[in-house]
Amino acid sequence: MARSKTRNKSKSASPKRKPTRRKNNLSKSMKGKKLTSNQKLTLYLNEALAIENAAVQRLQSRIKQTKMENTKQRLELHLEETRGQQDRLKQLMLDLGDGKGTATKDKAQLPILAPPKSLTNIFGRMMTSAEYDLKAAKEDAIVENAEIILYDMLSHLAEKMNAANAIPILAQSLSEEKSMADWIKTNTPEMITQLWPEIEDSLVMSEEETQELR
């Protein structure tokens, strides 16, 4: 009797195995799943839409943050363009899905440069509001150029997938992103000129510069 109790106890105490094998099989089957060209293109379009969703949020924040009126006006224009890009992507997905498009509401993580934490802490203490404006403009340019690559690749993919109706739509978004990126590059000297007085006020003259003034 004592032996049987011990045996039963050992059975009940044995840990339950996790169904890891089944999960692995499911992930493998999903990786091997084939999609139609429309389904595949819809995935890529949703990626672009997630980026535009994040871009709208960033542009709204930038419009409130910038002190430069000409920059504010250009950002407001691009905000409207970006909303148009969202609408076109959603409509294109509806067309590709025969009226059953699945447009994402999620926001992608935008490609913003992040300096090392040690430098971030120093910048946080030393940067003026004018320098924050310049830093944001630099980030704007990075985002716009990333979107240029995105829409350029999407256009080529749409061509390979024989999605002729998608090509002019993507070309319009590509043109708008190029225009915004070009505007930032062209207006960088003017931005620095506008913001320089505040940056200059934050500088301490070296001994050589002080002697030259004397």
N, C-alpha and C. Protein backbone atom coordinates (compact mmCIF):
# COMPACT_ATOMS: atom_id res chain seq x y z
N MET A 1 0.83 -1.21 0.00
CA MET A 1 0.00 0.00 0.00
C MET A 1 0.86 1.26 0.00
N ALA A 2 1.92 1.24 0.81
CA ALA A 2 2.78 2.42 0.88
C ALA A 2 3.45 2.69 -0.45
N ARG A 3 3.84 1.60 -1.14
CA ARG A 3 4.50 1.77 -2.44
C ARG A 3 3.57 2.40 -3.47
N SER A 4 2.31 1.97 -3.48
CA SER A 4 1.37 2.50 -4.46
C SER A 4 1.09 3.97 -4.22
N LYS A 5 1.05 4.37 -2.94
CA LYS A 5 0.83 5.78 -2.63
C LYS A 5 2.01 6.62 -3.13
N THR A 6 3.19 6.11 -2.91
CA THR A 6 4.38 6.84 -3.36
C THR A 6 4.40 6.97 -4.87
N ARG A 7 3.99 5.89 -5.53
CA ARG A 7 3.97 5.91 -6.99
C ARG A 7 2.96 6.92 -7.51
N ASN A 8 1.79 6.94 -6.90
CA ASN A 8 0.75 7.88 -7.32
C ASN A 8 1.19 9.32 -7.07
N LYS A 9 1.86 9.51 -5.94
CA LYS A 9 2.32 10.85 -5.60
C LYS A 9 3.35 11.36 -6.60
N SER A 10 4.22 10.47 -6.99
CA SER A 10 5.25 10.87 -7.96
C SER A 10 4.65 11.20 -9.31
N LYS A 11 3.57 10.53 -9.67
CA LYS A 11 2.89 10.81 -10.94
C LYS A 11 2.21 12.17 -10.92
N SER A 12 1.53 12.44 -9.78
CA SER A 12 0.81 13.72 -9.68
C SER A 12 1.76 14.89 -9.57
N ALA A 13 2.95 14.65 -9.02
CA ALA A 13 3.91 15.74 -8.84
C ALA A 13 4.70 16.05 -10.10
N SER A 14 4.61 15.21 -11.11
CA SER A 14 5.38 15.43 -12.34
C SER A 14 4.89 16.67 -13.07
N PRO A 15 5.79 17.58 -13.47
CA PRO A 15 5.40 18.85 -14.11
C PRO A 15 4.76 18.62 -15.48
N LYS A 16 3.83 19.51 -15.78
CA LYS A 16 3.16 19.41 -17.08
C LYS A 16 4.05 19.99 -18.17
N ARG A 17 4.10 19.33 -19.27
CA ARG A 17 4.92 19.81 -20.40
C ARG A 17 4.19 20.90 -21.16
N LYS A 18 4.95 21.91 -21.52
CA LYS A 18 4.37 23.00 -22.29
C LYS A 18 4.26 22.61 -23.76
N PRO A 19 3.17 22.99 -24.40
CA PRO A 19 2.97 22.61 -25.83
C PRO A 19 3.79 23.46 -26.78
N THR A 20 5.12 23.44 -26.56
CA THR A 20 5.99 24.28 -27.39
C THR A 20 6.10 23.76 -28.81
N ARG A 21 6.04 22.44 -28.96
CA ARG A 21 6.19 21.85 -30.29
C ARG A 21 5.08 22.30 -31.22
N ARG A 22 3.86 22.42 -30.66
CA ARG A 22 2.72 22.83 -31.48
C ARG A 22 2.86 24.27 -31.93
N LYS A 23 3.35 25.13 -31.02
CA LYS A 23 3.54 26.53 -31.38
C LYS A 23 4.57 26.67 -32.49
N ASN A 24 5.65 25.90 -32.37
CA ASN A 24 6.68 25.95 -33.41
C ASN A 24 6.14 25.51 -34.76
N ASN A 25 5.30 24.48 -34.73
CA ASN A 25 4.70 24.00 -35.98
C ASN A 25 3.79 25.04 -36.59
N LEU A 26 3.06 25.77 -35.73
CA LEU A 26 2.17 26.81 -36.23
C LEU A 26 2.97 27.94 -36.87
N SER A 27 4.06 28.34 -36.20
CA SER A 27 4.86 29.44 -36.74
C SER A 27 5.50 29.04 -38.07
N LYS A 28 5.90 27.75 -38.15
CA LYS A 28 6.49 27.27 -39.41
C LYS A 28 5.47 27.25 -40.53
N SER A 29 4.24 26.87 -40.19
CA SER A 29 3.20 26.81 -41.23
C SER A 29 2.84 28.20 -41.71
N MET A 30 2.89 29.19 -40.81
CA MET A 30 2.59 30.57 -41.21
C MET A 30 3.69 31.12 -42.10
N LYS A 31 4.94 30.75 -41.78
CA LYS A 31 6.05 31.22 -42.60
C LYS A 31 5.96 30.67 -44.01
N GLY A 32 5.46 29.46 -44.13
CA GLY A 32 5.38 28.83 -45.44
C GLY A 32 4.12 29.15 -46.22
N LYS A 33 3.22 29.93 -45.61
CA LYS A 33 1.96 30.23 -46.27
C LYS A 33 2.17 31.16 -47.46
N LYS A 34 1.55 30.83 -48.57
CA LYS A 34 1.66 31.67 -49.76
C LYS A 34 0.45 32.58 -49.87
N LEU A 35 0.71 33.80 -50.36
CA LEU A 35 -0.34 34.80 -50.52
C LEU A 35 -0.49 35.16 -51.99
N THR A 36 -1.64 35.70 -52.32
CA THR A 36 -1.83 36.25 -53.67
C THR A 36 -1.04 37.55 -53.76
N SER A 37 -0.83 38.01 -54.97
CA SER A 37 -0.09 39.27 -55.15
C SER A 37 -0.83 40.43 -54.49
N ASN A 38 -2.16 40.43 -54.56
CA ASN A 38 -2.94 41.49 -53.92
C ASN A 38 -2.80 41.45 -52.40
N GLN A 39 -2.81 40.25 -51.83
CA GLN A 39 -2.65 40.11 -50.38
C GLN A 39 -1.26 40.56 -49.94
N LYS A 40 -0.27 40.18 -50.71
CA LYS A 40 1.11 40.56 -50.38
C LYS A 40 1.28 42.08 -50.47
N LEU A 41 0.75 42.67 -51.54
CA LEU A 41 0.87 44.11 -51.71
C LEU A 41 0.11 44.85 -50.62
N THR A 42 -1.01 44.30 -50.19
CA THR A 42 -1.78 44.92 -49.10
C THR A 42 -0.95 44.97 -47.82
N LEU A 43 -0.16 43.94 -47.56
CA LEU A 43 0.72 43.96 -46.39
C LEU A 43 1.73 45.10 -46.47
N TYR A 44 2.31 45.27 -47.64
CA TYR A 44 3.27 46.36 -47.83
C TYR A 44 2.60 47.72 -47.70
N LEU A 45 1.39 47.83 -48.22
CA LEU A 45 0.66 49.09 -48.12
C LEU A 45 0.30 49.40 -46.68
N ASN A 46 -0.02 48.37 -45.91
CA ASN A 46 -0.31 48.57 -44.49
C ASN A 46 0.93 49.05 -43.74
N GLU A 47 2.08 48.57 -44.15
CA GLU A 47 3.33 49.05 -43.55
C GLU A 47 3.49 50.55 -43.82
N ALA A 48 3.23 50.95 -45.06
CA ALA A 48 3.31 52.37 -45.41
C ALA A 48 2.28 53.18 -44.63
N LEU A 49 1.08 52.64 -44.47
CA LEU A 49 0.02 53.34 -43.74
C LEU A 49 0.41 53.52 -42.27
N ALA A 50 1.01 52.50 -41.66
CA ALA A 50 1.45 52.61 -40.27
C ALA A 50 2.48 53.72 -40.11
N ILE A 51 3.35 53.87 -41.12
CA ILE A 51 4.34 54.95 -41.09
C ILE A 51 3.66 56.30 -41.22
N GLU A 52 2.68 56.40 -42.11
CA GLU A 52 1.96 57.66 -42.28
C GLU A 52 1.13 58.00 -41.04
N ASN A 53 0.59 56.99 -40.37
CA ASN A 53 -0.15 57.22 -39.13
C ASN A 53 0.76 57.88 -38.09
N ALA A 54 1.99 57.38 -38.01
CA ALA A 54 2.97 57.96 -37.08
C ALA A 54 3.41 59.34 -37.55
N ALA A 55 3.53 59.50 -38.87
CA ALA A 55 3.97 60.79 -39.42
C ALA A 55 2.96 61.90 -39.13
N VAL A 56 1.68 61.58 -39.20
CA VAL A 56 0.64 62.58 -38.89
C VAL A 56 0.81 63.07 -37.46
N GLN A 57 1.00 62.14 -36.55
CA GLN A 57 1.17 62.50 -35.14
C GLN A 57 2.41 63.36 -34.94
N ARG A 58 3.50 63.00 -35.62
CA ARG A 58 4.72 63.78 -35.50
C ARG A 58 4.56 65.18 -36.10
N LEU A 59 3.93 65.28 -37.25
CA LEU A 59 3.74 66.59 -37.88
C LEU A 59 2.89 67.50 -37.01
N GLN A 60 1.86 66.97 -36.40
CA GLN A 60 1.03 67.78 -35.50
C GLN A 60 1.84 68.32 -34.34
N SER A 61 2.73 67.49 -33.81
CA SER A 61 3.59 67.92 -32.71
C SER A 61 4.60 68.96 -33.17
N ARG A 62 5.16 68.76 -34.37
CA ARG A 62 6.15 69.70 -34.91
C ARG A 62 5.55 71.07 -35.19
N ILE A 63 4.32 71.10 -35.67
CA ILE A 63 3.64 72.38 -35.96
C ILE A 63 3.49 73.20 -34.68
N LYS A 64 3.20 72.53 -33.58
CA LYS A 64 3.07 73.23 -32.30
C LYS A 64 4.43 73.65 -31.75
N GLN A 65 5.46 72.87 -32.05
CA GLN A 65 6.77 73.09 -31.44
C GLN A 65 7.61 74.16 -32.12
N THR A 66 7.59 74.22 -33.46
CA THR A 66 8.51 75.11 -34.18
C THR A 66 8.17 76.58 -33.97
N LYS A 67 9.24 77.37 -33.89
CA LYS A 67 9.06 78.83 -33.74
C LYS A 67 9.17 79.55 -35.09
N MET A 68 9.55 78.81 -36.14
CA MET A 68 9.74 79.44 -37.45
C MET A 68 8.44 79.38 -38.25
N GLU A 69 7.94 80.54 -38.60
CA GLU A 69 6.63 80.62 -39.24
C GLU A 69 6.61 79.95 -40.62
N ASN A 70 7.67 80.13 -41.40
CA ASN A 70 7.69 79.49 -42.73
C ASN A 70 7.76 77.96 -42.62
N THR A 71 8.46 77.48 -41.60
CA THR A 71 8.51 76.03 -41.35
C THR A 71 7.15 75.52 -40.92
N LYS A 72 6.49 76.27 -40.06
CA LYS A 72 5.15 75.88 -39.59
C LYS A 72 4.18 75.76 -40.77
N GLN A 73 4.23 76.73 -41.70
CA GLN A 73 3.34 76.71 -42.86
C GLN A 73 3.63 75.51 -43.76
N ARG A 74 4.92 75.20 -43.94
CA ARG A 74 5.26 74.07 -44.82
C ARG A 74 4.87 72.75 -44.16
N LEU A 75 5.02 72.66 -42.85
CA LEU A 75 4.62 71.45 -42.13
C LEU A 75 3.10 71.26 -42.18
N GLU A 76 2.36 72.37 -42.10
CA GLU A 76 0.89 72.28 -42.19
C GLU A 76 0.46 71.77 -43.56
N LEU A 77 1.15 72.24 -44.60
CA LEU A 77 0.86 71.76 -45.95
C LEU A 77 1.17 70.27 -46.07
N HIS A 78 2.30 69.86 -45.51
CA HIS A 78 2.67 68.45 -45.61
C HIS A 78 1.77 67.57 -44.75
N LEU A 79 1.22 68.12 -43.69
CA LEU A 79 0.26 67.37 -42.87
C LEU A 79 -0.97 67.03 -43.71
N GLU A 80 -1.44 68.00 -44.48
CA GLU A 80 -2.58 67.74 -45.36
C GLU A 80 -2.23 66.72 -46.44
N GLU A 81 -1.01 66.83 -46.97
CA GLU A 81 -0.56 65.84 -47.96
C GLU A 81 -0.52 64.44 -47.35
N THR A 82 -0.02 64.35 -46.12
CA THR A 82 0.10 63.06 -45.46
C THR A 82 -1.27 62.44 -45.19
N ARG A 83 -2.21 63.25 -44.81
CA ARG A 83 -3.58 62.74 -44.63
C ARG A 83 -4.16 62.23 -45.95
N GLY A 84 -3.82 62.94 -47.02
CA GLY A 84 -4.23 62.46 -48.35
C GLY A 84 -3.59 61.13 -48.69
N GLN A 85 -2.32 60.98 -48.30
CA GLN A 85 -1.62 59.71 -48.53
C GLN A 85 -2.29 58.58 -47.77
N GLN A 86 -2.70 58.85 -46.54
CA GLN A 86 -3.42 57.85 -45.75
C GLN A 86 -4.70 57.41 -46.47
N ASP A 87 -5.46 58.39 -46.94
CA ASP A 87 -6.74 58.08 -47.60
C ASP A 87 -6.52 57.26 -48.87
N ARG A 88 -5.49 57.61 -49.62
CA ARG A 88 -5.23 56.89 -50.87
C ARG A 88 -4.79 55.46 -50.60
N LEU A 89 -3.97 55.27 -49.56
CA LEU A 89 -3.53 53.92 -49.20
C LEU A 89 -4.72 53.06 -48.77
N LYS A 90 -5.61 53.64 -47.98
CA LYS A 90 -6.80 52.91 -47.52
C LYS A 90 -7.69 52.52 -48.71
N GLN A 91 -7.89 53.46 -49.63
CA GLN A 91 -8.73 53.18 -50.78
C GLN A 91 -8.10 52.12 -51.68
N LEU A 92 -6.79 52.20 -51.83
CA LEU A 92 -6.08 51.23 -52.65
C LEU A 92 -6.21 49.83 -52.06
N MET A 93 -6.14 49.72 -50.74
CA MET A 93 -6.30 48.42 -50.10
C MET A 93 -7.72 47.90 -50.25
N LEU A 94 -8.69 48.79 -50.22
CA LEU A 94 -10.08 48.38 -50.46
C LEU A 94 -10.23 47.82 -51.87
N ASP A 95 -9.62 48.50 -52.83
CA ASP A 95 -9.69 48.04 -54.22
C ASP A 95 -9.01 46.68 -54.40
N LEU A 96 -7.86 46.52 -53.77
CA LEU A 96 -7.12 45.25 -53.88
C LEU A 96 -7.85 44.10 -53.19
N GLY A 97 -8.61 44.43 -52.13
CA GLY A 97 -9.31 43.39 -51.38
C GLY A 97 -10.75 43.24 -51.78
N ASP A 98 -11.13 43.74 -52.97
CA ASP A 98 -12.51 43.67 -53.46
C ASP A 98 -13.50 44.25 -52.45
N GLY A 99 -13.13 45.43 -51.91
CA GLY A 99 -14.01 46.08 -50.95
C GLY A 99 -13.86 45.59 -49.53
N LYS A 100 -12.85 44.77 -49.27
CA LYS A 100 -12.64 44.22 -47.93
C LYS A 100 -11.22 44.53 -47.44
N GLY A 101 -10.81 45.76 -47.63
CA GLY A 101 -9.47 46.16 -47.21
C GLY A 101 -9.33 46.18 -45.70
N THR A 102 -8.15 45.84 -45.20
CA THR A 102 -7.90 45.83 -43.76
C THR A 102 -6.84 46.87 -43.45
N ALA A 103 -7.24 48.12 -43.36
CA ALA A 103 -6.30 49.21 -43.11
C ALA A 103 -5.94 49.27 -41.63
N THR A 104 -4.64 49.27 -41.35
CA THR A 104 -4.18 49.30 -39.96
C THR A 104 -4.36 50.67 -39.34
N LYS A 105 -4.63 50.68 -38.04
CA LYS A 105 -4.69 51.93 -37.28
C LYS A 105 -3.44 52.09 -36.42
N ASP A 106 -2.57 51.11 -36.47
CA ASP A 106 -1.35 51.15 -35.66
C ASP A 106 -0.36 52.17 -36.23
N LYS A 107 0.58 52.59 -35.39
CA LYS A 107 1.61 53.54 -35.79
C LYS A 107 2.97 52.85 -35.77
N ALA A 108 3.71 53.06 -36.82
CA ALA A 108 5.06 52.50 -36.91
C ALA A 108 6.03 53.33 -36.07
N GLN A 109 7.19 52.79 -35.83
CA GLN A 109 8.25 53.55 -35.18
C GLN A 109 9.05 54.25 -36.26
N LEU A 110 9.06 55.58 -36.22
CA LEU A 110 9.74 56.35 -37.26
C LEU A 110 11.26 56.26 -37.08
N PRO A 111 12.00 56.36 -38.20
CA PRO A 111 13.47 56.23 -38.14
C PRO A 111 14.13 57.51 -37.64
N ILE A 112 14.11 57.72 -36.33
CA ILE A 112 14.73 58.89 -35.72
C ILE A 112 16.07 58.49 -35.12
N LEU A 113 17.12 59.28 -35.41
CA LEU A 113 18.43 58.99 -34.86
C LEU A 113 18.43 59.24 -33.35
N ALA A 114 19.04 58.33 -32.61
CA ALA A 114 19.14 58.47 -31.16
C ALA A 114 20.61 58.45 -30.75
N PRO A 115 21.15 59.59 -30.29
CA PRO A 115 22.56 59.61 -29.86
C PRO A 115 22.74 58.80 -28.58
N PRO A 116 23.99 58.51 -28.22
CA PRO A 116 24.24 57.77 -26.98
C PRO A 116 23.64 58.50 -25.77
N LYS A 117 23.30 57.73 -24.75
CA LYS A 117 22.64 58.31 -23.57
C LYS A 117 23.50 59.39 -22.93
N SER A 118 24.82 59.20 -22.94
CA SER A 118 25.72 60.19 -22.34
C SER A 118 25.60 61.54 -23.04
N LEU A 119 25.54 61.52 -24.38
CA LEU A 119 25.39 62.76 -25.13
C LEU A 119 23.98 63.34 -25.01
N THR A 120 22.99 62.45 -24.95
CA THR A 120 21.61 62.91 -24.80
C THR A 120 21.45 63.71 -23.51
N ASN A 121 22.05 63.25 -22.45
CA ASN A 121 21.97 63.96 -21.17
C ASN A 121 22.63 65.33 -21.24
N ILE A 122 23.77 65.40 -21.94
CA ILE A 122 24.47 66.69 -22.08
C ILE A 122 23.64 67.64 -22.94
N PHE A 123 23.15 67.13 -24.08
CA PHE A 123 22.32 67.97 -24.95
C PHE A 123 21.10 68.48 -24.21
N GLY A 124 20.50 67.63 -23.39
CA GLY A 124 19.31 68.04 -22.65
C GLY A 124 19.56 69.21 -21.74
N ARG A 125 20.78 69.30 -21.21
CA ARG A 125 21.12 70.41 -20.31
C ARG A 125 21.59 71.65 -21.06
N MET A 126 22.21 71.46 -22.21
CA MET A 126 22.89 72.56 -22.88
C MET A 126 22.13 73.16 -24.08
N MET A 127 21.23 72.40 -24.70
CA MET A 127 20.61 72.87 -25.94
C MET A 127 19.59 73.96 -25.69
N THR A 128 19.60 74.94 -26.57
CA THR A 128 18.58 76.00 -26.54
C THR A 128 17.34 75.53 -27.30
N SER A 129 16.25 76.28 -27.18
CA SER A 129 15.04 75.93 -27.93
C SER A 129 15.28 76.01 -29.42
N ALA A 130 16.17 76.93 -29.84
CA ALA A 130 16.51 77.05 -31.27
C ALA A 130 17.22 75.80 -31.76
N GLU A 131 18.09 75.25 -30.93
CA GLU A 131 18.80 74.03 -31.31
C GLU A 131 17.86 72.83 -31.36
N TYR A 132 16.87 72.82 -30.49
CA TYR A 132 15.85 71.77 -30.55
C TYR A 132 15.08 71.84 -31.86
N ASP A 133 14.85 73.06 -32.33
CA ASP A 133 14.16 73.25 -33.60
C ASP A 133 14.99 72.69 -34.76
N LEU A 134 16.29 72.96 -34.73
CA LEU A 134 17.18 72.43 -35.76
C LEU A 134 17.26 70.91 -35.70
N LYS A 135 17.33 70.38 -34.49
CA LYS A 135 17.39 68.93 -34.31
C LYS A 135 16.13 68.29 -34.88
N ALA A 136 14.97 68.90 -34.64
CA ALA A 136 13.71 68.37 -35.16
C ALA A 136 13.68 68.43 -36.68
N ALA A 137 14.23 69.51 -37.25
CA ALA A 137 14.27 69.64 -38.72
C ALA A 137 15.16 68.56 -39.33
N LYS A 138 16.26 68.24 -38.65
CA LYS A 138 17.15 67.16 -39.11
C LYS A 138 16.40 65.82 -39.08
N GLU A 139 15.63 65.60 -38.03
CA GLU A 139 14.84 64.37 -37.93
C GLU A 139 13.75 64.34 -39.00
N ASP A 140 13.17 65.51 -39.29
CA ASP A 140 12.18 65.58 -40.38
C ASP A 140 12.77 65.08 -41.69
N ALA A 141 13.99 65.53 -41.97
CA ALA A 141 14.65 65.15 -43.21
C ALA A 141 14.91 63.65 -43.26
N ILE A 142 15.30 63.05 -42.14
CA ILE A 142 15.54 61.61 -42.08
C ILE A 142 14.26 60.84 -42.37
N VAL A 143 13.17 61.28 -41.74
CA VAL A 143 11.87 60.61 -41.95
C VAL A 143 11.43 60.72 -43.40
N GLU A 144 11.55 61.91 -43.98
CA GLU A 144 11.10 62.12 -45.36
C GLU A 144 11.91 61.27 -46.33
N ASN A 145 13.22 61.20 -46.14
CA ASN A 145 14.05 60.40 -47.04
C ASN A 145 13.77 58.91 -46.89
N ALA A 146 13.43 58.48 -45.67
CA ALA A 146 13.04 57.08 -45.48
C ALA A 146 11.74 56.79 -46.23
N GLU A 147 10.82 57.73 -46.22
CA GLU A 147 9.55 57.56 -46.92
C GLU A 147 9.74 57.58 -48.44
N ILE A 148 10.72 58.34 -48.89
CA ILE A 148 11.04 58.34 -50.32
C ILE A 148 11.46 56.94 -50.76
N ILE A 149 12.35 56.32 -50.00
CA ILE A 149 12.79 54.95 -50.31
C ILE A 149 11.62 53.99 -50.24
N LEU A 150 10.78 54.15 -49.23
CA LEU A 150 9.61 53.29 -49.05
C LEU A 150 8.70 53.32 -50.28
N TYR A 151 8.32 54.53 -50.71
CA TYR A 151 7.39 54.64 -51.84
C TYR A 151 8.04 54.26 -53.17
N ASP A 152 9.33 54.50 -53.28
CA ASP A 152 10.04 54.09 -54.50
C ASP A 152 10.02 52.56 -54.61
N MET A 153 10.32 51.87 -53.51
CA MET A 153 10.30 50.40 -53.51
C MET A 153 8.89 49.87 -53.76
N LEU A 154 7.90 50.50 -53.13
CA LEU A 154 6.51 50.08 -53.32
C LEU A 154 6.09 50.20 -54.78
N SER A 155 6.53 51.26 -55.43
CA SER A 155 6.18 51.47 -56.84
C SER A 155 6.73 50.35 -57.71
N HIS A 156 7.99 49.95 -57.44
CA HIS A 156 8.60 48.87 -58.21
C HIS A 156 7.92 47.53 -57.92
N LEU A 157 7.55 47.31 -56.67
CA LEU A 157 6.85 46.07 -56.31
C LEU A 157 5.48 46.00 -56.97
N ALA A 158 4.77 47.13 -56.97
CA ALA A 158 3.45 47.18 -57.61
C ALA A 158 3.56 46.89 -59.10
N GLU A 159 4.63 47.37 -59.71
CA GLU A 159 4.85 47.10 -61.14
C GLU A 159 5.08 45.61 -61.38
N LYS A 160 5.90 44.98 -60.52
CA LYS A 160 6.17 43.55 -60.66
C LYS A 160 4.92 42.71 -60.42
N MET A 161 4.02 43.21 -59.56
CA MET A 161 2.81 42.46 -59.22
C MET A 161 1.64 42.80 -60.14
N ASN A 162 1.94 43.58 -61.18
CA ASN A 162 0.93 43.96 -62.17
C ASN A 162 -0.25 44.71 -61.55
N ALA A 163 0.04 45.51 -60.51
CA ALA A 163 -1.00 46.34 -59.88
C ALA A 163 -0.92 47.73 -60.51
N ALA A 164 -1.38 47.82 -61.74
CA ALA A 164 -1.23 49.05 -62.51
C ALA A 164 -1.92 50.23 -61.85
N ASN A 165 -3.06 50.00 -61.20
CA ASN A 165 -3.80 51.10 -60.58
C ASN A 165 -3.08 51.67 -59.37
N ALA A 166 -2.16 50.90 -58.78
CA ALA A 166 -1.44 51.37 -57.60
C ALA A 166 -0.28 52.30 -57.95
N ILE A 167 0.27 52.14 -59.15
CA ILE A 167 1.50 52.85 -59.52
C ILE A 167 1.34 54.37 -59.48
N PRO A 168 0.32 54.96 -60.14
CA PRO A 168 0.20 56.43 -60.08
C PRO A 168 -0.11 56.94 -58.67
N ILE A 169 -0.80 56.17 -57.87
CA ILE A 169 -1.12 56.57 -56.49
C ILE A 169 0.16 56.64 -55.67
N LEU A 170 0.99 55.63 -55.79
CA LEU A 170 2.26 55.61 -55.07
C LEU A 170 3.21 56.67 -55.60
N ALA A 171 3.14 56.93 -56.90
CA ALA A 171 3.99 57.95 -57.52
C ALA A 171 3.66 59.34 -56.97
N GLN A 172 2.37 59.59 -56.72
CA GLN A 172 1.96 60.88 -56.15
C GLN A 172 2.53 61.07 -54.75
N SER A 173 2.44 60.03 -53.93
CA SER A 173 3.00 60.10 -52.58
C SER A 173 4.51 60.26 -52.62
N LEU A 174 5.16 59.55 -53.54
CA LEU A 174 6.60 59.67 -53.70
C LEU A 174 6.99 61.10 -54.06
N SER A 175 6.24 61.72 -54.95
CA SER A 175 6.51 63.09 -55.36
C SER A 175 6.36 64.07 -54.19
N GLU A 176 5.35 63.85 -53.37
CA GLU A 176 5.13 64.73 -52.21
C GLU A 176 6.24 64.61 -51.18
N GLU A 177 6.71 63.39 -50.97
CA GLU A 177 7.80 63.18 -50.01
C GLU A 177 9.10 63.80 -50.52
N LYS A 178 9.35 63.66 -51.82
CA LYS A 178 10.55 64.28 -52.40
C LYS A 178 10.49 65.79 -52.28
N SER A 179 9.32 66.36 -52.52
CA SER A 179 9.15 67.81 -52.43
C SER A 179 9.43 68.31 -51.02
N MET A 180 8.94 67.58 -50.02
CA MET A 180 9.16 67.98 -48.63
C MET A 180 10.63 67.84 -48.26
N ALA A 181 11.27 66.75 -48.67
CA ALA A 181 12.69 66.55 -48.37
C ALA A 181 13.54 67.64 -49.04
N ASP A 182 13.20 67.98 -50.28
CA ASP A 182 13.93 69.04 -50.99
C ASP A 182 13.75 70.39 -50.30
N TRP A 183 12.55 70.64 -49.81
CA TRP A 183 12.28 71.92 -49.12
C TRP A 183 13.14 72.03 -47.87
N ILE A 184 13.24 70.97 -47.10
CA ILE A 184 14.05 71.00 -45.89
C ILE A 184 15.51 71.28 -46.23
N LYS A 185 16.02 70.58 -47.25
CA LYS A 185 17.42 70.77 -47.65
C LYS A 185 17.67 72.19 -48.14
N THR A 186 16.77 72.71 -48.97
CA THR A 186 16.94 74.04 -49.54
C THR A 186 16.85 75.13 -48.48
N ASN A 187 15.98 74.91 -47.50
CA ASN A 187 15.74 75.95 -46.49
C ASN A 187 16.61 75.83 -45.24
N THR A 188 17.49 74.85 -45.21
CA THR A 188 18.36 74.70 -44.04
C THR A 188 19.20 75.95 -43.75
N PRO A 189 19.83 76.59 -44.76
CA PRO A 189 20.59 77.82 -44.46
C PRO A 189 19.72 78.91 -43.85
N GLU A 190 18.49 79.06 -44.35
CA GLU A 190 17.59 80.08 -43.80
C GLU A 190 17.18 79.74 -42.37
N MET A 191 16.95 78.46 -42.11
CA MET A 191 16.60 78.04 -40.74
C MET A 191 17.71 78.43 -39.77
N ILE A 192 18.95 78.10 -40.15
CA ILE A 192 20.08 78.40 -39.27
C ILE A 192 20.24 79.90 -39.09
N THR A 193 20.02 80.67 -40.15
CA THR A 193 20.11 82.13 -40.05
C THR A 193 19.07 82.66 -39.06
N GLN A 194 17.85 82.13 -39.13
CA GLN A 194 16.79 82.58 -38.24
C GLN A 194 17.07 82.21 -36.78
N LEU A 195 17.62 81.05 -36.58
CA LEU A 195 17.81 80.54 -35.23
C LEU A 195 19.16 80.89 -34.62
N TRP A 196 20.09 81.36 -35.45
CA TRP A 196 21.45 81.60 -34.98
C TRP A 196 21.55 82.61 -33.84
N PRO A 197 20.83 83.73 -33.85
CA PRO A 197 20.97 84.70 -32.74
C PRO A 197 20.77 84.06 -31.36
N GLU A 198 19.76 83.20 -31.23
CA GLU A 198 19.53 82.54 -29.94
C GLU A 198 20.64 81.56 -29.60
N ILE A 199 21.14 80.85 -30.61
CA ILE A 199 22.24 79.92 -30.38
C ILE A 199 23.50 80.68 -30.00
N GLU A 200 23.74 81.80 -30.69
CA GLU A 200 24.94 82.61 -30.42
C GLU A 200 24.93 83.16 -29.00
N ASP A 201 23.75 83.56 -28.52
CA ASP A 201 23.64 84.09 -27.16
C ASP A 201 24.01 83.06 -26.10
N SER A 202 23.92 81.78 -26.47
CA SER A 202 24.23 80.73 -25.50
C SER A 202 25.70 80.38 -25.47
N LEU A 203 26.50 80.99 -26.37
CA LEU A 203 27.92 80.67 -26.47
C LEU A 203 28.75 81.58 -25.57
N VAL A 204 29.82 81.04 -25.04
CA VAL A 204 30.78 81.81 -24.26
C VAL A 204 32.01 82.03 -25.12
N MET A 205 32.45 83.28 -25.20
CA MET A 205 33.60 83.59 -26.04
C MET A 205 34.88 83.04 -25.41
N SER A 206 35.76 82.55 -26.27
CA SER A 206 37.06 82.09 -25.80
C SER A 206 37.95 83.29 -25.51
N GLU A 207 39.09 83.05 -24.88
CA GLU A 207 40.02 84.14 -24.54
C GLU A 207 40.53 84.83 -25.80
N GLU A 208 40.79 84.06 -26.86
CA GLU A 208 41.30 84.64 -28.11
C GLU A 208 40.26 85.58 -28.72
N GLU A 209 38.99 85.16 -28.70
CA GLU A 209 37.93 86.00 -29.27
C GLU A 209 37.76 87.27 -28.45
N THR A 210 37.91 87.16 -27.14
CA THR A 210 37.79 88.34 -26.26
C THR A 210 38.90 89.33 -26.55
N GLN A 211 40.13 88.81 -26.74
CA GLN A 211 41.27 89.68 -27.05
C GLN A 211 41.11 90.38 -28.38
N GLU A 212 40.53 89.69 -29.37
CA GLU A 212 40.32 90.27 -30.69
C GLU A 212 39.33 91.45 -30.61
N LEU A 213 38.33 91.32 -29.77
CA LEU A 213 37.36 92.41 -29.60
C LEU A 213 37.98 93.63 -28.95
N ARG A 214 39.01 93.41 -28.11
CA ARG A 214 39.71 94.51 -27.47
C ARG A 214 40.63 95.17 -28.47
